[in-house]
C-alpha atoms as a PDB file:
ATOM      1  CA  UNK A   1     100.889 120.786 103.909  1.00  0.00           C
ATOM      2  CA  UNK A   2     100.544 121.813 100.306  1.00  0.00           C
ATOM      3  CA  UNK A   3      99.209 125.310  99.685  1.00  0.00           C
ATOM      4  CA  UNK A   4      97.180 125.522  96.505  1.00  0.00           C
ATOM      5  CA  UNK A   5      97.029 128.815  94.617  1.00  0.00           C
ATOM      6  CA  UNK A   6      94.374 130.058  92.219  1.00  0.00           C
ATOM      7  CA  UNK A   7      95.743 130.048  88.662  1.00  0.00           C
ATOM      8  CA  UNK A   8      93.956 132.530  86.379  1.00  0.00           C
ATOM      9  CA  UNK A   9      95.316 130.846  83.234  1.00  0.00           C
ATOM     10  CA  UNK A  10      93.861 127.477  84.278  1.00  0.00           C
ATOM     11  CA  UNK A  11      90.921 128.405  86.519  1.00  0.00           C
ATOM     12  CA  UNK A  12      89.829 131.698  84.939  1.00  0.00           C
ATOM     13  CA  UNK A  13      89.453 134.994  86.795  1.00  0.00           C
ATOM     14  CA  UNK A  14      89.447 134.651  90.577  1.00  0.00           C
ATOM     15  CA  UNK A  15      86.176 135.287  92.385  1.00  0.00           C
ATOM     16  CA  UNK A  16      84.398 133.906  95.424  1.00  0.00           C
ATOM     17  CA  UNK A  17      81.858 132.220  93.159  1.00  0.00           C
ATOM     18  CA  UNK A  18      84.552 130.577  91.020  1.00  0.00           C
ATOM     19  CA  UNK A  19      86.413 129.325  94.103  1.00  0.00           C
ATOM     20  CA  UNK A  20      83.187 127.937  95.571  1.00  0.00           C
ATOM     21  CA  UNK A  21      82.413 126.133  92.312  1.00  0.00           C
ATOM     22  CA  UNK A  22      85.919 124.611  92.224  1.00  0.00           C
ATOM     23  CA  UNK A  23      85.571 123.260  95.781  1.00  0.00           C
ATOM     24  CA  UNK A  24      82.051 121.950  95.154  1.00  0.00           C
ATOM     25  CA  UNK A  25      83.222 120.214  91.963  1.00  0.00           C
ATOM     26  CA  UNK A  26      85.832 118.426  94.113  1.00  0.00           C
ATOM     27  CA  UNK A  27      83.035 117.040  96.302  1.00  0.00           C
ATOM     28  CA  UNK A  28      83.041 119.516  99.190  1.00  0.00           C
ATOM     29  CA  UNK A  29      80.049 121.113 100.898  1.00  0.00           C
ATOM     30  CA  UNK A  30      81.038 124.790 101.150  1.00  0.00           C
ATOM     31  CA  UNK A  31      80.200 127.326 103.844  1.00  0.00           C
ATOM     32  CA  UNK A  32      81.257 130.982 103.942  1.00  0.00           C
ATOM     33  CA  UNK A  33      82.650 132.599 107.082  1.00  0.00           C
ATOM     34  CA  UNK A  34      84.014 136.024 107.958  1.00  0.00           C
ATOM     35  CA  UNK A  35      86.568 136.202 110.772  1.00  0.00           C
ATOM     36  CA  UNK A  36      87.428 139.510 112.462  1.00  0.00           C
ATOM     37  CA  UNK A  37      91.012 140.653 113.014  1.00  0.00           C
ATOM     38  CA  UNK A  38      92.422 138.936 116.083  1.00  0.00           C
ATOM     39  CA  UNK A  39      90.400 135.743 115.582  1.00  0.00           C
ATOM     40  CA  UNK A  40      92.360 132.574 116.249  1.00  0.00           C
ATOM     41  CA  UNK A  41      91.538 128.906 116.555  1.00  0.00           C
ATOM     42  CA  UNK A  42      93.527 126.722 118.978  1.00  0.00           C
ATOM     43  CA  UNK A  43      94.870 123.366 117.906  1.00  0.00           C
ATOM     44  CA  UNK A  44      92.048 121.011 116.968  1.00  0.00           C
ATOM     45  CA  UNK A  45      91.072 118.330 114.456  1.00  0.00           C
ATOM     46  CA  UNK A  46      87.925 117.210 112.637  1.00  0.00           C
ATOM     47  CA  UNK A  47      86.294 113.863 111.871  1.00  0.00           C
ATOM     48  CA  UNK A  48      85.896 114.892 108.227  1.00  0.00           C
ATOM     49  CA  UNK A  49      88.211 115.997 105.417  1.00  0.00           C
ATOM     50  CA  UNK A  50      88.257 119.786 105.094  1.00  0.00           C
ATOM     51  CA  UNK A  51      89.549 122.586 102.942  1.00  0.00           C
ATOM     52  CA  UNK A  52      90.269 126.067 104.266  1.00  0.00           C
ATOM     53  CA  UNK A  53      90.220 128.593 101.416  1.00  0.00           C
ATOM     54  CA  UNK A  54      90.700 132.363 101.528  1.00  0.00           C
ATOM     55  CA  UNK A  55      88.611 134.820  99.519  1.00  0.00           C
ATOM     56  CA  UNK A  56      90.085 137.956 101.126  1.00  0.00           C
ATOM     57  CA  UNK A  57      92.421 138.817 103.984  1.00  0.00           C
ATOM     58  CA  UNK A  58      95.289 136.695 105.305  1.00  0.00           C
ATOM     59  CA  UNK A  59      95.043 133.513 107.355  1.00  0.00           C
ATOM     60  CA  UNK A  60      97.965 131.907 109.208  1.00  0.00           C
ATOM     61  CA  UNK A  61      97.606 128.120 109.168  1.00  0.00           C
ATOM     62  CA  UNK A  62      99.638 125.458 110.916  1.00  0.00           C
ATOM     63  CA  UNK A  63      98.702 121.959 109.742  1.00  0.00           C
ATOM     64  CA  UNK A  64     100.509 118.983 111.272  1.00  0.00           C
ATOM     65  CA  UNK A  65     103.340 121.319 112.291  1.00  0.00           C
ATOM     66  CA  UNK A  66     103.720 122.937 108.834  1.00  0.00           C
ATOM     67  CA  UNK A  67     103.244 126.728 108.636  1.00  0.00           C
ATOM     68  CA  UNK A  68     101.771 128.842 105.817  1.00  0.00           C
ATOM     69  CA  UNK A  69     100.102 132.199 105.344  1.00  0.00           C
ATOM     70  CA  UNK A  70      97.139 132.021 102.969  1.00  0.00           C
ATOM     71  CA  UNK A  71      95.946 134.996 100.955  1.00  0.00           C
ATOM     72  CA  UNK A  72      93.161 135.480  98.431  1.00  0.00           C
ATOM     73  CA  UNK A  73      92.834 132.450  96.162  1.00  0.00           C
ATOM     74  CA  UNK A  74      94.878 130.137  98.408  1.00  0.00           C
ATOM     75  CA  UNK A  75      93.640 126.971 100.085  1.00  0.00           C
ATOM     76  CA  UNK A  76      94.891 123.963 102.012  1.00  0.00           C
ATOM     77  CA  UNK A  77      93.458 120.515 102.510  1.00  0.00           C
ATOM     78  CA  UNK A  78      93.154 119.395 106.131  1.00  0.00           C
ATOM     79  CA  UNK A  79      92.612 115.634 106.282  1.00  0.00           C
ATOM     80  CA  UNK A  80      90.377 114.213 108.998  1.00  0.00           C
ATOM     81  CA  UNK A  81      92.141 113.728 112.304  1.00  0.00           C
ATOM     82  CA  UNK A  82      95.036 116.088 111.485  1.00  0.00           C
ATOM     83  CA  UNK A  83      95.736 118.718 114.131  1.00  0.00           C
ATOM     84  CA  UNK A  84      95.818 122.317 112.952  1.00  0.00           C
ATOM     85  CA  UNK A  85      95.493 125.947 114.061  1.00  0.00           C
ATOM     86  CA  UNK A  86      94.454 129.123 112.279  1.00  0.00           C
ATOM     87  CA  UNK A  87      94.629 132.867 112.939  1.00  0.00           C
ATOM     88  CA  UNK A  88      93.688 136.055 111.118  1.00  0.00           C
ATOM     89  CA  UNK A  89      96.795 138.091 110.268  1.00  0.00           C
ATOM     90  CA  UNK A  90      96.617 141.883 110.088  1.00  0.00           C
ATOM     91  CA  UNK A  91      93.760 144.342 110.406  1.00  0.00           C
ATOM     92  CA  UNK A  92      91.589 143.043 107.546  1.00  0.00           C
ATOM     93  CA  UNK A  93      88.891 140.427 108.226  1.00  0.00           C
ATOM     94  CA  UNK A  94      89.304 137.068 106.529  1.00  0.00           C
ATOM     95  CA  UNK A  95      86.515 135.871 104.279  1.00  0.00           C
ATOM     96  CA  UNK A  96      86.896 132.106 104.127  1.00  0.00           C
ATOM     97  CA  UNK A  97      85.260 129.273 102.264  1.00  0.00           C
ATOM     98  CA  UNK A  98      85.221 126.172 104.431  1.00  0.00           C
ATOM     99  CA  UNK A  99      84.885 122.946 102.475  1.00  0.00           C
ATOM    100  CA  UNK A 100      83.740 119.788 104.242  1.00  0.00           C
ATOM    101  CA  UNK A 101      83.595 116.304 102.749  1.00  0.00           C
ATOM    102  CA  UNK A 102      81.529 113.818 104.709  1.00  0.00           C
ATOM    103  CA  UNK A 103      82.259 110.695 102.667  1.00  0.00           C
ATOM    104  CA  UNK A 104      85.393 108.876 101.528  1.00  0.00           C
ATOM    105  CA  UNK A 105      85.569 110.349  98.001  1.00  0.00           C
END
């Protein structure tokens, strides 16, 4: 699992709108979710390629056995069929942009 980090010098100032535009430009349909402290997702997979990106808060991700904690401006790609889990870390809700790609681009 490769964690991507927002780079102000390349991507400009970080914002939810800028992150959404970056994911959409990469071919993803983006939805916004807010997860309360204590939220966790058991191991699962999807039939589509996905990106989990964090706008605020901290998200613990395990993708194909690899562990990372994502903070604001971080994202990971989760290929279709790959097992993963996620959990909110700490007392702050996580605002997440969920990117889904339904084709083979």
